[in-house]
Amino acid sequence: MSLLIEQQGPVVRVTLNRPEVRNAFNEELIAELTAWAESVRADGPARVAVLSGAGKAFCAGADLGWMSKMVAYTRDENLRDARAAAAMFEALDRLPIPLIGRVHGAALGGGAGLAAVCDIVAAADDTIFGFTEVKLGIIPAVISPYTLAKIGRSAARELFLTGARFSAERAREIGLVHAVGDAAELDRIVAKYVNDVLTSAPQAIAAAKALIAAVSTRPHADAGDLTSQAIADRRVSAEGQDGMRAFLEKRPPSWLSGGS
């Protein structure tokens, strides 16, 4: 299996499992990651997912064997191949639960795009990042919607056009990464993020994630009605009512106390 999936109560741990090639993408890994992402349901057992890589790296981009096939592909074959990768990133982006990236070693090309599609990213301080596609005569195309949403046009112009590799600290500065620590700290940082998710209301998290996607594509003048309806819906929802009453009554809300 190119992907290991381990359910630990409300936490699902998803591990890229091709350490011999630094977890580089091929058709099988893309298909397995897509299938997993499409299987996650908002009302399922998982409330948060942690994505990591086995071995010495998070994800080093495209597998050499896969790339050797691309060289001989027709344009139509390349289009089909690229659409499969785009579908994977879209499925990950649409997850109804938070996706936390645990990044170490290297996140290059599509691996950097995988970091970009995570909601939250913690990286080891010696991780090397890079949108290195132009070094191969290609471009970071299917990852660009998620990367631009994270790092913006200015950083993308520099990093997409040069293919330069950069540090975890630089990744944090441009918004690709949210927390950086040494290897010994990385699991503690991830555990803190997991705990923050699990102590928050699950339906509210899903609604907040959907809100980000909806509002980010609208001008401010067009977002007022959508955001007003969104908060009104949450205030009258069972979860919202319980959360606000629990705060006022100084008691744990149902998602912490085990109630429905």
Protein backbone atom coordinates (compact mmCIF):
# COMPACT_ATOMS: atom_id res chain seq x y z
CA MET A 1 0.00 0.00 0.00
CA SER A 2 1.24 3.45 -0.91
CA LEU A 3 -0.89 4.96 1.86
CA LEU A 4 -1.26 3.91 5.49
CA ILE A 5 -4.47 4.91 7.28
CA GLU A 6 -4.78 4.48 11.03
CA GLN A 7 -7.92 5.48 12.93
CA GLN A 8 -7.23 6.45 16.55
CA GLY A 9 -10.58 7.44 18.00
CA PRO A 10 -11.51 10.80 16.46
CA VAL A 11 -8.03 11.20 14.89
CA VAL A 12 -7.16 9.61 11.55
CA ARG A 13 -3.46 9.42 10.71
CA VAL A 14 -2.68 9.25 7.01
CA THR A 15 0.89 8.39 6.08
CA LEU A 16 2.45 8.52 2.62
CA ASN A 17 4.20 5.16 2.53
CA ARG A 18 6.77 5.18 -0.24
CA PRO A 19 9.90 5.93 1.82
CA GLU A 20 12.23 4.35 -0.73
CA VAL A 21 11.43 7.22 -3.13
CA ARG A 22 10.89 9.89 -0.44
CA ASN A 23 7.12 9.45 -0.80
CA ALA A 24 7.10 10.80 -4.35
CA PHE A 25 3.80 10.76 -6.21
CA ASN A 26 2.83 8.12 -8.74
CA GLU A 27 -0.54 7.04 -10.11
CA GLU A 28 -1.17 4.60 -7.25
CA LEU A 29 -0.47 7.09 -4.47
CA ILE A 30 -2.65 9.72 -6.15
CA ALA A 31 -5.51 7.23 -6.54
CA GLU A 32 -5.26 6.03 -2.93
CA LEU A 33 -5.09 9.54 -1.49
CA THR A 34 -8.08 10.60 -3.61
CA ALA A 35 -10.11 7.57 -2.55
CA TRP A 36 -9.38 8.22 1.12
CA ALA A 37 -10.27 11.93 0.90
CA GLU A 38 -13.53 11.17 -0.90
CA SER A 39 -14.47 8.61 1.76
CA VAL A 40 -14.34 11.07 4.68
CA ARG A 41 -17.76 12.18 5.89
CA ALA A 42 -18.66 15.07 8.16
CA ASP A 43 -20.68 12.71 10.38
CA GLY A 44 -18.04 9.98 10.40
CA PRO A 45 -15.77 8.90 13.26
CA ALA A 46 -12.85 11.14 12.26
CA ARG A 47 -12.81 14.74 13.49
CA VAL A 48 -9.28 15.61 12.40
CA ALA A 49 -6.71 14.12 10.03
CA VAL A 50 -2.92 14.24 10.32
CA LEU A 51 -0.99 13.81 7.06
CA SER A 52 2.66 12.79 7.22
CA GLY A 53 5.34 10.94 5.29
CA ALA A 54 7.19 7.75 6.19
CA GLY A 55 10.97 7.74 6.22
CA LYS A 56 13.23 10.72 5.63
CA ALA A 57 10.89 13.08 3.76
CA PHE A 58 7.29 14.29 3.61
CA CYS A 59 6.99 14.22 -0.19
CA ALA A 60 9.65 14.86 -2.83
CA GLY A 61 7.27 15.57 -5.72
CA ALA A 62 6.90 13.30 -8.74
CA ASP A 63 8.30 9.77 -8.86
CA LEU A 64 11.01 9.28 -11.51
CA GLY A 65 9.24 6.23 -12.90
CA TRP A 66 6.03 8.20 -13.25
CA MET A 67 7.91 11.06 -14.90
CA SER A 68 9.51 8.68 -17.40
CA LYS A 69 6.00 7.70 -18.51
CA MET A 70 4.96 11.36 -18.86
CA VAL A 71 7.78 12.01 -21.32
CA ALA A 72 6.20 9.53 -23.73
CA TYR A 73 2.57 10.53 -23.10
CA THR A 74 0.50 12.29 -25.72
CA ARG A 75 -1.12 15.57 -24.77
CA ASP A 76 -4.43 13.78 -24.14
CA GLU A 77 -2.70 11.24 -21.91
CA ASN A 78 -0.98 14.04 -20.01
CA LEU A 79 -4.30 15.84 -19.66
CA ARG A 80 -5.94 12.74 -18.17
CA ASP A 81 -2.98 12.29 -15.82
CA ALA A 82 -3.04 15.93 -14.69
CA ARG A 83 -6.79 15.84 -14.12
CA ALA A 84 -6.34 12.87 -11.78
CA ALA A 85 -3.82 14.88 -9.73
CA ALA A 86 -6.11 17.92 -9.75
CA ALA A 87 -8.99 15.76 -8.49
CA MET A 88 -6.81 14.56 -5.62
CA PHE A 89 -5.96 18.09 -4.50
CA GLU A 90 -9.60 19.14 -4.83
CA ALA A 91 -10.76 16.18 -2.72
CA LEU A 92 -8.22 17.04 -0.02
CA ASP A 93 -9.24 20.70 -0.11
CA ARG A 94 -12.91 19.75 0.34
CA LEU A 95 -12.39 17.52 3.36
CA PRO A 96 -15.11 18.33 5.93
CA ILE A 97 -12.58 17.93 8.75
CA PRO A 98 -9.31 19.80 9.37
CA LEU A 99 -6.23 18.40 7.65
CA ILE A 100 -3.00 18.93 9.59
CA GLY A 101 0.27 18.46 7.72
CA ARG A 102 3.25 17.06 9.65
CA VAL A 103 6.08 17.97 7.30
CA HIS A 104 9.72 16.95 7.55
CA GLY A 105 12.75 16.40 5.36
CA ALA A 106 11.56 17.73 2.03
CA ALA A 107 8.36 19.04 0.46
CA LEU A 108 9.16 19.69 -3.18
CA GLY A 109 6.98 20.27 -6.25
CA GLY A 110 3.73 18.47 -5.66
CA GLY A 111 4.89 17.81 -2.09
CA ALA A 112 4.94 21.56 -1.44
CA GLY A 113 1.48 21.66 -3.03
CA LEU A 114 0.38 18.96 -0.61
CA ALA A 115 1.51 21.16 2.25
CA ALA A 116 -0.41 24.06 0.71
CA VAL A 117 -3.69 22.14 0.62
CA CYS A 118 -3.45 21.28 4.33
CA ASP A 119 -5.46 23.53 6.63
CA ILE A 120 -2.66 23.65 9.19
CA VAL A 121 1.02 22.80 8.68
CA ALA A 122 3.71 22.08 11.25
CA ALA A 123 7.21 21.61 9.82
CA ALA A 124 10.54 20.43 11.17
CA ASP A 125 13.03 23.29 11.14
CA ASP A 126 15.38 21.54 8.70
CA THR A 127 12.69 20.87 6.07
CA ILE A 128 13.46 22.05 2.54
CA PHE A 129 10.59 23.37 0.43
CA GLY A 130 10.47 24.26 -3.24
CA PHE A 131 8.17 24.78 -6.19
CA THR A 132 10.85 23.30 -8.40
CA GLU A 133 8.86 22.51 -11.54
CA VAL A 134 10.47 25.16 -13.76
CA LYS A 135 13.83 23.45 -13.20
CA LEU A 136 12.34 20.57 -15.21
CA GLY A 137 10.75 22.75 -17.88
CA ILE A 138 7.24 22.37 -16.47
CA ILE A 139 5.06 24.49 -14.15
CA PRO A 140 3.32 24.09 -10.74
CA ALA A 141 -0.08 24.11 -12.40
CA VAL A 142 -2.53 21.85 -10.54
CA ILE A 143 -1.21 22.96 -7.14
CA SER A 144 -1.40 26.67 -7.98
CA PRO A 145 -4.95 27.38 -6.67
CA TYR A 146 -4.05 26.08 -3.22
CA THR A 147 -0.55 27.53 -3.15
CA LEU A 148 -1.65 31.00 -4.26
CA ALA A 149 -4.36 30.96 -1.59
CA LYS A 150 -1.65 30.33 1.00
CA ILE A 151 1.34 32.40 -0.09
CA GLY A 152 -0.16 35.06 -2.39
CA ARG A 153 0.97 36.36 -5.77
CA SER A 154 4.15 38.10 -4.66
CA ALA A 155 5.80 35.04 -3.09
CA ALA A 156 4.48 32.85 -5.91
CA ARG A 157 6.10 35.11 -8.51
CA GLU A 158 9.45 34.68 -6.84
CA LEU A 159 9.24 30.99 -6.01
CA PHE A 160 7.31 29.67 -9.02
CA LEU A 161 9.52 31.54 -11.48
CA THR A 162 12.87 30.68 -9.93
CA GLY A 163 12.17 27.15 -8.68
CA ALA A 164 14.35 28.08 -5.72
CA ARG A 165 14.42 25.89 -2.64
CA PHE A 166 13.67 27.58 0.67
CA SER A 167 13.69 26.88 4.39
CA ALA A 168 10.92 26.01 6.80
CA GLU A 169 11.30 29.42 8.41
CA ARG A 170 10.79 31.14 5.04
CA ALA A 171 7.78 28.88 4.46
CA ARG A 172 6.36 30.09 7.76
CA GLU A 173 7.00 33.73 6.87
CA ILE A 174 5.01 33.44 3.61
CA GLY A 175 2.13 31.48 5.15
CA LEU A 176 2.80 28.04 3.71
CA VAL A 177 3.65 26.74 7.19
CA HIS A 178 2.08 27.78 10.49
CA ALA A 179 4.53 26.40 13.06
CA VAL A 180 8.18 25.35 12.94
CA GLY A 181 10.10 23.31 15.49
CA ASP A 182 12.94 20.84 15.75
CA ALA A 183 12.33 17.16 15.14
CA ALA A 184 11.73 16.49 18.83
CA GLU A 185 9.09 19.22 19.02
CA LEU A 186 7.17 18.34 15.88
CA ASP A 187 4.84 15.73 17.38
CA ARG A 188 4.13 17.99 20.35
CA ILE A 189 3.17 20.84 18.01
CA VAL A 190 0.90 18.54 16.00
CA ALA A 191 -0.67 17.17 19.19
CA LYS A 192 -1.46 20.72 20.33
CA TYR A 193 -3.24 21.45 17.05
CA VAL A 194 -5.14 18.15 17.29
CA ASN A 195 -6.25 18.99 20.84
CA ASP A 196 -7.38 22.47 19.76
CA VAL A 197 -9.58 20.87 17.09
CA LEU A 198 -10.99 18.19 19.38
CA THR A 199 -11.96 20.74 22.05
CA SER A 200 -13.90 22.81 19.49
CA ALA A 201 -17.36 22.15 18.09
CA PRO A 202 -17.17 19.71 15.13
CA GLN A 203 -20.08 21.11 13.12
CA ALA A 204 -18.83 24.66 13.68
CA ILE A 205 -15.38 23.67 12.38
CA ALA A 206 -16.92 22.20 9.24
CA ALA A 207 -19.03 25.33 8.77
CA ALA A 208 -16.02 27.59 9.33
CA LYS A 209 -14.01 25.67 6.73
CA ALA A 210 -16.86 26.00 4.23
CA LEU A 211 -17.16 29.70 5.08
CA ILE A 212 -13.49 30.31 4.27
CA ALA A 213 -13.93 28.75 0.84
CA ALA A 214 -17.11 30.68 0.12
CA VAL A 215 -16.01 34.11 1.35
CA SER A 216 -12.49 34.05 -0.11
CA THR A 217 -13.89 34.06 -3.67
CA ARG A 218 -16.28 36.99 -3.13
CA PRO A 219 -15.76 40.74 -3.00
CA HIS A 220 -16.44 42.18 0.45
CA ALA A 221 -19.58 43.93 -0.81
CA ASP A 222 -21.06 40.59 -1.90
CA ALA A 223 -20.21 38.65 1.23
CA GLY A 224 -22.40 40.45 3.77
CA ASP A 225 -25.59 38.50 3.25
CA LEU A 226 -23.78 35.16 3.08
CA THR A 227 -21.88 35.79 6.32
CA SER A 228 -24.96 37.14 8.13
CA GLN A 229 -26.93 34.04 7.22
CA ALA A 230 -24.03 31.80 8.20
CA ILE A 231 -23.74 33.18 11.72
CA ALA A 232 -27.53 33.28 12.19
CA ASP A 233 -27.72 29.61 11.18
CA ARG A 234 -25.00 28.67 13.65
CA ARG A 235 -26.57 30.65 16.51
CA VAL A 236 -29.86 28.76 16.23
CA SER A 237 -28.28 25.37 15.56
CA ALA A 238 -28.36 22.75 18.32
CA GLU A 239 -24.59 22.87 18.61
CA GLY A 240 -24.47 26.66 18.68
CA GLN A 241 -27.21 26.86 21.28
CA ASP A 242 -25.47 24.30 23.46
CA GLY A 243 -22.08 26.00 23.11
CA MET A 244 -23.36 29.45 24.02
CA ARG A 245 -25.49 28.17 26.90
CA ALA A 246 -22.56 26.09 28.21
CA PHE A 247 -20.38 29.21 28.25
CA LEU A 248 -23.03 31.23 30.10
CA GLU A 249 -23.74 28.38 32.53
CA LYS A 250 -20.03 27.66 33.09
CA ARG A 251 -20.31 24.00 32.11
CA PRO A 252 -18.67 21.88 29.41
CA PRO A 253 -20.46 21.80 26.04
CA SER A 254 -21.82 18.51 24.77
CA TRP A 255 -18.86 17.77 22.49
CA LEU A 256 -16.63 17.77 25.58
CA SER A 257 -18.97 16.17 28.08
CA GLY A 258 -19.96 13.30 25.80
CA GLY A 259 -23.58 14.39 25.26
CA SER A 260 -25.34 14.45 21.92
